[in-house]
Amino acid sequence: MVAIKDVHPGLAIITIDDGSGAIIELKVGRDKGPEKSSDTNIQNLKIVSGIGYFRFRLDENIVDIGAIVKIKGTFDSFRGARQIELKRIWIINDTAEEAAAWLASATFKRDVLLHPWHLSASDRLAVDRHLAEAEMQQKKEARRIERRQQSRLQRQKKKDQKRIKYERHAERARLATEKEMNRGALI
């Protein structure tokens, strides 16, 4: 871990270095609350903050800059910069654990990511069906929103017509009253 930032009450950022000199930011979502101790959306990670201090507690151990961690997350971007939305985090206590983590990562890449992924015909049909249903739902939602807007515009149009009719009636009444008032006046 290279840096820890308290961005705002709903977000904290941990900057990590992978050993090559390249760094990436981890987004840590926080539960908002007025209390001094704020839980995150990661089960074993807790943020403790107050006036003058901001600390991470990982499995009840304080984690600070320089700690070696293993993380899992999903890629995201913010203003063109790549980030990782943190899902899981573990602390690595010694070099043996670090070597085991690197070995597990290399094994995963070799056994899973190296081989092309193929979908069977039935899997492809299921995915296509799911995409078609999602597209249909989006179209239904768009039509529903369009109908709502049309209805809102019609109500506004009726309301405007009613207001114009009322204003004309009020103007006629005002003119009639003015004519009545001016009837015996010297103009």
C-alpha atoms as a PDB file:
ATOM      1  CA  MET A   1       0.000   0.000   0.000  1.00  0.00           C
ATOM      2  CA  VAL A   2       1.391   3.355  -1.052  1.00  0.00           C
ATOM      3  CA  ALA A   3      -1.295   5.821   0.062  1.00  0.00           C
ATOM      4  CA  ILE A   4      -4.656   5.983   1.811  1.00  0.00           C
ATOM      5  CA  LYS A   5      -7.074   8.860   1.142  1.00  0.00           C
ATOM      6  CA  ASP A   6     -10.366   9.757   2.744  1.00  0.00           C
ATOM      7  CA  VAL A   7     -12.138  11.234  -0.294  1.00  0.00           C
ATOM      8  CA  HIS A   8     -15.575  11.857   1.244  1.00  0.00           C
ATOM      9  CA  PRO A   9     -17.920  10.093   3.684  1.00  0.00           C
ATOM     10  CA  GLY A  10     -18.995   7.547   1.047  1.00  0.00           C
ATOM     11  CA  LEU A  11     -15.608   6.727  -0.484  1.00  0.00           C
ATOM     12  CA  ALA A  12     -12.015   6.025   0.476  1.00  0.00           C
ATOM     13  CA  ILE A  13      -9.111   5.379  -1.905  1.00  0.00           C
ATOM     14  CA  ILE A  14      -6.173   3.037  -1.331  1.00  0.00           C
ATOM     15  CA  THR A  15      -3.275   3.402  -3.767  1.00  0.00           C
ATOM     16  CA  ILE A  16      -1.282   0.219  -4.321  1.00  0.00           C
ATOM     17  CA  ASP A  17       1.956  -0.589  -6.141  1.00  0.00           C
ATOM     18  CA  ASP A  18       2.406  -4.006  -7.743  1.00  0.00           C
ATOM     19  CA  GLY A  19       6.198  -3.962  -7.362  1.00  0.00           C
ATOM     20  CA  SER A  20       6.867  -2.856 -10.938  1.00  0.00           C
ATOM     21  CA  GLY A  21       6.492   0.819 -10.144  1.00  0.00           C
ATOM     22  CA  ALA A  22       2.992   1.026 -11.640  1.00  0.00           C
ATOM     23  CA  ILE A  23       0.283   2.115  -9.230  1.00  0.00           C
ATOM     24  CA  ILE A  24      -3.495   1.799  -9.268  1.00  0.00           C
ATOM     25  CA  GLU A  25      -6.210   3.113  -6.988  1.00  0.00           C
ATOM     26  CA  LEU A  26      -8.665   0.893  -5.123  1.00  0.00           C
ATOM     27  CA  LYS A  27     -12.115   2.364  -4.496  1.00  0.00           C
ATOM     28  CA  VAL A  28     -13.518   1.417  -1.104  1.00  0.00           C
ATOM     29  CA  GLY A  29     -17.233   2.134  -0.709  1.00  0.00           C
ATOM     30  CA  ARG A  30     -18.256   3.247   2.752  1.00  0.00           C
ATOM     31  CA  ASP A  31     -21.523   3.083   4.631  1.00  0.00           C
ATOM     32  CA  LYS A  32     -22.508   6.626   5.461  1.00  0.00           C
ATOM     33  CA  GLY A  33     -23.120   7.432   9.070  1.00  0.00           C
ATOM     34  CA  PRO A  34     -22.506  10.133  11.632  1.00  0.00           C
ATOM     35  CA  GLU A  35     -20.575   7.840  13.964  1.00  0.00           C
ATOM     36  CA  LYS A  36     -16.774   7.943  14.180  1.00  0.00           C
ATOM     37  CA  SER A  37     -16.427   4.310  13.076  1.00  0.00           C
ATOM     38  CA  SER A  38     -17.564   3.675   9.529  1.00  0.00           C
ATOM     39  CA  ASP A  39     -17.973   0.209   8.040  1.00  0.00           C
ATOM     40  CA  THR A  40     -17.157  -0.468   4.412  1.00  0.00           C
ATOM     41  CA  ASN A  41     -18.844  -2.685   1.893  1.00  0.00           C
ATOM     42  CA  ILE A  42     -16.005  -5.224   2.386  1.00  0.00           C
ATOM     43  CA  GLN A  43     -16.724  -7.683   5.169  1.00  0.00           C
ATOM     44  CA  ASN A  44     -13.331  -7.738   6.927  1.00  0.00           C
ATOM     45  CA  LEU A  45     -12.338  -4.087   6.333  1.00  0.00           C
ATOM     46  CA  LYS A  46     -13.379  -1.296   8.650  1.00  0.00           C
ATOM     47  CA  ILE A  47     -12.541   2.394   8.508  1.00  0.00           C
ATOM     48  CA  VAL A  48     -12.009   4.211  11.768  1.00  0.00           C
ATOM     49  CA  SER A  49     -11.830   7.963  11.387  1.00  0.00           C
ATOM     50  CA  GLY A  50     -12.152  11.032  13.472  1.00  0.00           C
ATOM     51  CA  ILE A  51     -10.570  14.436  13.881  1.00  0.00           C
ATOM     52  CA  GLY A  52      -6.915  14.048  13.015  1.00  0.00           C
ATOM     53  CA  TYR A  53      -6.868  10.322  12.262  1.00  0.00           C
ATOM     54  CA  PHE A  54      -7.965   7.961   9.515  1.00  0.00           C
ATOM     55  CA  ARG A  55      -7.152   4.254   9.772  1.00  0.00           C
ATOM     56  CA  PHE A  56      -8.083   0.965   8.140  1.00  0.00           C
ATOM     57  CA  ARG A  57      -8.667  -2.098  10.276  1.00  0.00           C
ATOM     58  CA  LEU A  58      -8.342  -5.382   8.401  1.00  0.00           C
ATOM     59  CA  ASP A  59      -9.373  -8.426  10.440  1.00  0.00           C
ATOM     60  CA  GLU A  60      -8.951  -6.273  13.580  1.00  0.00           C
ATOM     61  CA  ASN A  61      -5.341  -5.355  12.616  1.00  0.00           C
ATOM     62  CA  ILE A  62      -4.473  -1.778  11.724  1.00  0.00           C
ATOM     63  CA  VAL A  63      -3.286  -1.576   8.116  1.00  0.00           C
ATOM     64  CA  ASP A  64      -0.981   1.261   7.203  1.00  0.00           C
ATOM     65  CA  ILE A  65       1.149   2.421   4.293  1.00  0.00           C
ATOM     66  CA  GLY A  66       3.778  -0.176   3.382  1.00  0.00           C
ATOM     67  CA  ALA A  67       1.571  -3.166   4.173  1.00  0.00           C
ATOM     68  CA  ILE A  68       1.467  -5.964   1.607  1.00  0.00           C
ATOM     69  CA  VAL A  69      -2.058  -6.950   0.637  1.00  0.00           C
ATOM     70  CA  LYS A  70      -3.776  -9.318  -1.758  1.00  0.00           C
ATOM     71  CA  ILE A  71      -6.903  -7.921  -3.358  1.00  0.00           C
ATOM     72  CA  LYS A  72      -9.763  -8.923  -5.612  1.00  0.00           C
ATOM     73  CA  GLY A  73     -11.993  -6.463  -7.376  1.00  0.00           C
ATOM     74  CA  THR A  74     -13.535  -5.270 -10.589  1.00  0.00           C
ATOM     75  CA  PHE A  75     -12.026  -2.759 -12.981  1.00  0.00           C
ATOM     76  CA  ASP A  76     -13.562   0.657 -13.253  1.00  0.00           C
ATOM     77  CA  SER A  77     -12.446   4.055 -14.477  1.00  0.00           C
ATOM     78  CA  PHE A  78     -12.801   7.577 -13.165  1.00  0.00           C
ATOM     79  CA  ARG A  79     -11.971  10.556 -15.379  1.00  0.00           C
ATOM     80  CA  GLY A  80     -10.025   8.310 -17.730  1.00  0.00           C
ATOM     81  CA  ALA A  81      -7.891   6.715 -15.005  1.00  0.00           C
ATOM     82  CA  ARG A  82      -8.201   2.993 -14.308  1.00  0.00           C
ATOM     83  CA  GLN A  83      -9.333   1.998 -10.838  1.00  0.00           C
ATOM     84  CA  ILE A  84     -10.304  -1.196  -9.082  1.00  0.00           C
ATOM     85  CA  GLU A  85     -13.517  -1.375  -7.104  1.00  0.00           C
ATOM     86  CA  LEU A  86     -12.413  -3.398  -4.097  1.00  0.00           C
ATOM     87  CA  LYS A  87     -14.388  -6.575  -3.384  1.00  0.00           C
ATOM     88  CA  ARG A  88     -12.027  -8.530  -1.091  1.00  0.00           C
ATOM     89  CA  ILE A  89      -8.760  -7.821   0.657  1.00  0.00           C
ATOM     90  CA  TRP A  90      -6.309  -9.898   2.699  1.00  0.00           C
ATOM     91  CA  ILE A  91      -3.119  -8.915   4.452  1.00  0.00           C
ATOM     92  CA  ILE A  92       0.081 -10.809   3.594  1.00  0.00           C
ATOM     93  CA  ASN A  93       2.254 -11.229   6.656  1.00  0.00           C
ATOM     94  CA  ASP A  94       5.522 -12.650   5.276  1.00  0.00           C
ATOM     95  CA  THR A  95       7.397 -13.474   2.095  1.00  0.00           C
ATOM     96  CA  ALA A  96       6.202 -17.097   2.096  1.00  0.00           C
ATOM     97  CA  GLU A  97       2.577 -15.920   1.912  1.00  0.00           C
ATOM     98  CA  GLU A  98       3.537 -13.428  -0.787  1.00  0.00           C
ATOM     99  CA  ALA A  99       5.242 -16.154  -2.866  1.00  0.00           C
ATOM    100  CA  ALA A 100       2.198 -18.413  -2.448  1.00  0.00           C
ATOM    101  CA  ALA A 101      -0.082 -15.559  -3.594  1.00  0.00           C
ATOM    102  CA  TRP A 102       2.068 -14.943  -6.702  1.00  0.00           C
ATOM    103  CA  LEU A 103       2.064 -18.683  -7.442  1.00  0.00           C
ATOM    104  CA  ALA A 104      -1.730 -18.867  -7.118  1.00  0.00           C
ATOM    105  CA  SER A 105      -2.077 -15.862  -9.444  1.00  0.00           C
ATOM    106  CA  ALA A 106       0.265 -17.388 -12.037  1.00  0.00           C
ATOM    107  CA  THR A 107      -1.538 -20.745 -11.827  1.00  0.00           C
ATOM    108  CA  PHE A 108      -4.910 -19.058 -12.358  1.00  0.00           C
ATOM    109  CA  LYS A 109      -3.593 -17.192 -15.394  1.00  0.00           C
ATOM    110  CA  ARG A 110      -2.064 -20.361 -16.847  1.00  0.00           C
ATOM    111  CA  ASP A 111      -5.007 -22.697 -16.160  1.00  0.00           C
ATOM    112  CA  VAL A 112      -7.956 -20.361 -16.744  1.00  0.00           C
ATOM    113  CA  LEU A 113      -7.082 -17.189 -18.603  1.00  0.00           C
ATOM    114  CA  LEU A 114      -4.619 -18.672 -21.076  1.00  0.00           C
ATOM    115  CA  HIS A 115      -7.203 -20.948 -22.707  1.00  0.00           C
ATOM    116  CA  PRO A 116      -9.852 -19.502 -25.023  1.00  0.00           C
ATOM    117  CA  TRP A 117     -13.354 -19.603 -23.644  1.00  0.00           C
ATOM    118  CA  HIS A 118     -15.984 -21.169 -25.848  1.00  0.00           C
ATOM    119  CA  LEU A 119     -19.720 -21.140 -25.382  1.00  0.00           C
ATOM    120  CA  SER A 120     -21.760 -24.118 -26.473  1.00  0.00           C
ATOM    121  CA  ALA A 121     -24.655 -23.548 -28.849  1.00  0.00           C
ATOM    122  CA  SER A 122     -27.173 -23.872 -26.014  1.00  0.00           C
ATOM    123  CA  ASP A 123     -25.184 -21.400 -23.870  1.00  0.00           C
ATOM    124  CA  ARG A 124     -25.064 -18.947 -26.782  1.00  0.00           C
ATOM    125  CA  LEU A 125     -28.813 -19.282 -27.260  1.00  0.00           C
ATOM    126  CA  ALA A 126     -29.375 -18.657 -23.563  1.00  0.00           C
ATOM    127  CA  VAL A 127     -27.167 -15.547 -23.664  1.00  0.00           C
ATOM    128  CA  ASP A 128     -28.886 -14.319 -26.839  1.00  0.00           C
ATOM    129  CA  ARG A 129     -32.301 -14.919 -25.263  1.00  0.00           C
ATOM    130  CA  HIS A 130     -31.230 -13.043 -22.136  1.00  0.00           C
ATOM    131  CA  LEU A 131     -29.948 -10.115 -24.253  1.00  0.00           C
ATOM    132  CA  ALA A 132     -33.174 -10.069 -26.289  1.00  0.00           C
ATOM    133  CA  GLU A 133     -35.260 -10.028 -23.102  1.00  0.00           C
ATOM    134  CA  ALA A 134     -33.129  -7.224 -21.659  1.00  0.00           C
ATOM    135  CA  GLU A 135     -33.506  -5.234 -24.878  1.00  0.00           C
ATOM    136  CA  MET A 136     -37.269  -5.806 -24.839  1.00  0.00           C
ATOM    137  CA  GLN A 137     -37.421  -4.612 -21.227  1.00  0.00           C
ATOM    138  CA  GLN A 138     -35.455  -1.488 -22.146  1.00  0.00           C
ATOM    139  CA  LYS A 139     -37.838  -0.782 -25.024  1.00  0.00           C
ATOM    140  CA  LYS A 140     -40.851  -1.284 -22.728  1.00  0.00           C
ATOM    141  CA  GLU A 141     -39.300   1.079 -20.195  1.00  0.00           C
ATOM    142  CA  ALA A 142     -38.601   3.664 -22.920  1.00  0.00           C
ATOM    143  CA  ARG A 143     -42.216   3.399 -24.160  1.00  0.00           C
ATOM    144  CA  ARG A 144     -43.504   3.743 -20.600  1.00  0.00           C
ATOM    145  CA  ILE A 145     -41.366   6.840 -20.049  1.00  0.00           C
ATOM    146  CA  GLU A 146     -42.536   8.278 -23.390  1.00  0.00           C
ATOM    147  CA  ARG A 147     -46.201   7.673 -22.459  1.00  0.00           C
ATOM    148  CA  ARG A 148     -45.604   9.336 -19.100  1.00  0.00           C
ATOM    149  CA  GLN A 149     -44.027  12.373 -20.742  1.00  0.00           C
ATOM    150  CA  GLN A 150     -46.868  12.618 -23.270  1.00  0.00           C
ATOM    151  CA  SER A 151     -49.410  12.389 -20.469  1.00  0.00           C
ATOM    152  CA  ARG A 152     -47.531  15.035 -18.496  1.00  0.00           C
ATOM    153  CA  LEU A 153     -47.418  17.307 -21.559  1.00  0.00           C
ATOM    154  CA  GLN A 154     -51.167  16.829 -22.167  1.00  0.00           C
ATOM    155  CA  ARG A 155     -51.936  17.666 -18.530  1.00  0.00           C
ATOM    156  CA  GLN A 156     -49.743  20.754 -18.765  1.00  0.00           C
ATOM    157  CA  LYS A 157     -51.428  21.783 -22.032  1.00  0.00           C
ATOM    158  CA  LYS A 158     -54.900  21.430 -20.456  1.00  0.00           C
ATOM    159  CA  LYS A 159     -53.712  23.361 -17.421  1.00  0.00           C
ATOM    160  CA  ASP A 160     -52.341  26.147 -19.654  1.00  0.00           C
ATOM    161  CA  GLN A 161     -55.592  26.278 -21.666  1.00  0.00           C
ATOM    162  CA  LYS A 162     -57.585  26.488 -18.452  1.00  0.00           C
ATOM    163  CA  ARG A 163     -55.323  29.283 -17.168  1.00  0.00           C
ATOM    164  CA  ILE A 164     -55.667  31.219 -20.448  1.00  0.00           C
ATOM    165  CA  LYS A 165     -59.477  30.808 -20.333  1.00  0.00           C
ATOM    166  CA  TYR A 166     -59.531  32.012 -16.720  1.00  0.00           C
ATOM    167  CA  GLU A 167     -57.309  34.990 -17.562  1.00  0.00           C
ATOM    168  CA  ARG A 168     -59.584  35.963 -20.500  1.00  0.00           C
ATOM    169  CA  HIS A 169     -62.638  35.692 -18.268  1.00  0.00           C
ATOM    170  CA  ALA A 170     -60.919  37.732 -15.565  1.00  0.00           C
ATOM    171  CA  GLU A 171     -59.924  40.381 -18.136  1.00  0.00           C
ATOM    172  CA  ARG A 172     -63.511  40.584 -19.446  1.00  0.00           C
ATOM    173  CA  ALA A 173     -64.772  40.967 -15.904  1.00  0.00           C
ATOM    174  CA  ARG A 174     -62.156  43.645 -15.196  1.00  0.00           C
ATOM    175  CA  LEU A 175     -63.089  45.539 -18.368  1.00  0.00           C
ATOM    176  CA  ALA A 176     -66.801  45.330 -17.486  1.00  0.00           C
ATOM    177  CA  THR A 177     -66.086  46.617 -13.990  1.00  0.00           C
ATOM    178  CA  GLU A 178     -63.887  49.393 -15.406  1.00  0.00           C
ATOM    179  CA  LYS A 179     -66.618  50.372 -17.877  1.00  0.00           C
ATOM    180  CA  GLU A 180     -69.166  50.433 -15.051  1.00  0.00           C
ATOM    181  CA  MET A 181     -66.862  52.556 -12.870  1.00  0.00           C
ATOM    182  CA  ASN A 182     -66.121  54.949 -15.707  1.00  0.00           C
ATOM    183  CA  ARG A 183     -69.808  55.384 -16.648  1.00  0.00           C
ATOM    184  CA  GLY A 184     -70.435  58.579 -14.713  1.00  0.00           C
ATOM    185  CA  ALA A 185     -66.860  59.739 -14.412  1.00  0.00           C
ATOM    186  CA  LEU A 186     -65.353  62.686 -16.186  1.00  0.00           C
ATOM    187  CA  ILE A 187     -62.734  61.304 -18.522  1.00  0.00           C
END
